[in-house]
Amino acid sequence: MNDKQKITLVVVIVVIAAMLLFPPFNFRGANGVIFNLGYGFIFSPPTFNGPPLVGSVDTGMLITQWLGVLVIGGVAFFMLKNKN
């Protein structure tokens, strides 16, 4: 593993950790309507229409984002491979 690959690996890890700390949130209403609440700190989720309705982590979106970062990071990792 060369230096550029190490940097790429560290960047991917930092981005995934940041996504874990600031995930996407949504609120699902009683009638099944989903309201996007944006991104927020994991320990302080955003609220919908005041304090009683707290949003939950949109795990589907979070996993999709992680997969995107892993694919792009993997492609970059292999493109930066030394050619012998």
C-alpha atoms as a PDB file:
ATOM      1  CA  MET A   1       0.000   0.000   0.000  1.00  0.00           C
ATOM      2  CA  ASN A   2       1.483   3.327  -1.032  1.00  0.00           C
ATOM      3  CA  ASP A   3       1.055   6.737   0.620  1.00  0.00           C
ATOM      4  CA  LYS A   4      -1.771   7.867  -1.678  1.00  0.00           C
ATOM      5  CA  GLN A   5      -3.734   4.712  -0.913  1.00  0.00           C
ATOM      6  CA  LYS A   6      -3.247   5.259   2.827  1.00  0.00           C
ATOM      7  CA  ILE A   7      -4.564   8.809   2.508  1.00  0.00           C
ATOM      8  CA  THR A   8      -7.556   7.554   0.526  1.00  0.00           C
ATOM      9  CA  LEU A   9      -8.284   4.937   3.177  1.00  0.00           C
ATOM     10  CA  VAL A  10      -8.100   7.504   5.987  1.00  0.00           C
ATOM     11  CA  VAL A  11     -10.379   9.908   4.087  1.00  0.00           C
ATOM     12  CA  VAL A  12     -12.978   7.181   3.517  1.00  0.00           C
ATOM     13  CA  ILE A  13     -12.908   6.227   7.207  1.00  0.00           C
ATOM     14  CA  VAL A  14     -13.273   9.873   8.299  1.00  0.00           C
ATOM     15  CA  VAL A  15     -16.184  10.484   5.897  1.00  0.00           C
ATOM     16  CA  ILE A  16     -18.027   7.356   7.083  1.00  0.00           C
ATOM     17  CA  ALA A  17     -17.472   8.356  10.724  1.00  0.00           C
ATOM     18  CA  ALA A  18     -18.808  11.864   9.996  1.00  0.00           C
ATOM     19  CA  MET A  19     -21.858  10.328   8.329  1.00  0.00           C
ATOM     20  CA  LEU A  20     -22.419   8.230  11.449  1.00  0.00           C
ATOM     21  CA  LEU A  21     -22.198  11.295  13.711  1.00  0.00           C
ATOM     22  CA  PHE A  22     -24.507  13.399  11.488  1.00  0.00           C
ATOM     23  CA  PRO A  23     -27.000  10.961   9.906  1.00  0.00           C
ATOM     24  CA  PRO A  24     -30.129  11.796   7.907  1.00  0.00           C
ATOM     25  CA  PHE A  25     -33.344  11.971   9.941  1.00  0.00           C
ATOM     26  CA  ASN A  26     -36.992  11.602   9.026  1.00  0.00           C
ATOM     27  CA  PHE A  27     -40.359  11.499  10.756  1.00  0.00           C
ATOM     28  CA  ARG A  28     -43.078   9.029   9.825  1.00  0.00           C
ATOM     29  CA  GLY A  29     -46.568  10.371  10.427  1.00  0.00           C
ATOM     30  CA  ALA A  30     -49.555   8.341  11.590  1.00  0.00           C
ATOM     31  CA  ASN A  31     -50.958   8.180   8.058  1.00  0.00           C
ATOM     32  CA  GLY A  32     -47.646   6.840   6.637  1.00  0.00           C
ATOM     33  CA  VAL A  33     -46.385  10.146   5.270  1.00  0.00           C
ATOM     34  CA  ILE A  34     -42.617  10.530   5.662  1.00  0.00           C
ATOM     35  CA  PHE A  35     -41.193  13.978   6.391  1.00  0.00           C
ATOM     36  CA  ASN A  36     -37.505  14.595   5.717  1.00  0.00           C
ATOM     37  CA  LEU A  37     -35.886  16.403   8.650  1.00  0.00           C
ATOM     38  CA  GLY A  38     -32.429  16.771   7.127  1.00  0.00           C
ATOM     39  CA  TYR A  39     -29.201  15.968   8.936  1.00  0.00           C
ATOM     40  CA  GLY A  40     -28.414  16.379  12.606  1.00  0.00           C
ATOM     41  CA  PHE A  41     -26.104  15.276  15.372  1.00  0.00           C
ATOM     42  CA  ILE A  42     -26.837  11.678  16.390  1.00  0.00           C
ATOM     43  CA  PHE A  43     -27.339  12.550  20.085  1.00  0.00           C
ATOM     44  CA  SER A  44     -29.542  15.576  19.358  1.00  0.00           C
ATOM     45  CA  PRO A  45     -32.074  14.541  16.697  1.00  0.00           C
ATOM     46  CA  PRO A  46     -34.164  17.197  14.976  1.00  0.00           C
ATOM     47  CA  THR A  47     -37.801  17.580  15.972  1.00  0.00           C
ATOM     48  CA  PHE A  48     -40.935  17.915  13.857  1.00  0.00           C
ATOM     49  CA  ASN A  49     -43.477  20.572  14.880  1.00  0.00           C
ATOM     50  CA  GLY A  50     -42.116  21.099  18.338  1.00  0.00           C
ATOM     51  CA  PRO A  51     -40.443  18.975  20.995  1.00  0.00           C
ATOM     52  CA  PRO A  52     -42.872  16.028  21.295  1.00  0.00           C
ATOM     53  CA  LEU A  53     -42.244  14.584  17.819  1.00  0.00           C
ATOM     54  CA  VAL A  54     -38.591  13.503  17.517  1.00  0.00           C
ATOM     55  CA  GLY A  55     -37.209  12.274  14.219  1.00  0.00           C
ATOM     56  CA  SER A  56     -35.526   8.914  13.709  1.00  0.00           C
ATOM     57  CA  VAL A  57     -32.447   7.980  11.696  1.00  0.00           C
ATOM     58  CA  ASP A  58     -33.185   7.182   8.059  1.00  0.00           C
ATOM     59  CA  THR A  59     -31.156   3.969   7.998  1.00  0.00           C
ATOM     60  CA  GLY A  60     -31.896   3.202   4.351  1.00  0.00           C
ATOM     61  CA  MET A  61     -30.465   6.529   3.229  1.00  0.00           C
ATOM     62  CA  LEU A  62     -27.493   6.207   5.592  1.00  0.00           C
ATOM     63  CA  ILE A  63     -26.573   2.743   4.270  1.00  0.00           C
ATOM     64  CA  THR A  64     -26.964   3.981   0.687  1.00  0.00           C
ATOM     65  CA  GLN A  65     -24.604   6.866   1.410  1.00  0.00           C
ATOM     66  CA  TRP A  66     -22.079   4.532   3.045  1.00  0.00           C
ATOM     67  CA  LEU A  67     -22.177   2.212   0.029  1.00  0.00           C
ATOM     68  CA  GLY A  68     -21.599   5.157  -2.296  1.00  0.00           C
ATOM     69  CA  VAL A  69     -18.572   6.296  -0.299  1.00  0.00           C
ATOM     70  CA  LEU A  70     -17.191   2.753  -0.163  1.00  0.00           C
ATOM     71  CA  VAL A  71     -17.587   2.253  -3.919  1.00  0.00           C
ATOM     72  CA  ILE A  72     -16.000   5.595  -4.801  1.00  0.00           C
ATOM     73  CA  GLY A  73     -13.259   5.072  -2.197  1.00  0.00           C
ATOM     74  CA  GLY A  74     -12.593   1.552  -3.493  1.00  0.00           C
ATOM     75  CA  VAL A  75     -12.319   2.742  -7.081  1.00  0.00           C
ATOM     76  CA  ALA A  76      -9.966   5.538  -6.017  1.00  0.00           C
ATOM     77  CA  PHE A  77      -7.927   3.082  -3.926  1.00  0.00           C
ATOM     78  CA  PHE A  78      -7.367   0.745  -6.872  1.00  0.00           C
ATOM     79  CA  MET A  79      -6.731   3.584  -9.336  1.00  0.00           C
ATOM     80  CA  LEU A  80      -3.916   4.842  -7.094  1.00  0.00           C
ATOM     81  CA  LYS A  81      -2.188   1.453  -7.109  1.00  0.00           C
ATOM     82  CA  ASN A  82       1.461   1.494  -8.183  1.00  0.00           C
ATOM     83  CA  LYS A  83       2.105  -0.095 -11.537  1.00  0.00           C
ATOM     84  CA  ASN A  84       5.117  -2.390 -11.464  1.00  0.00           C
END
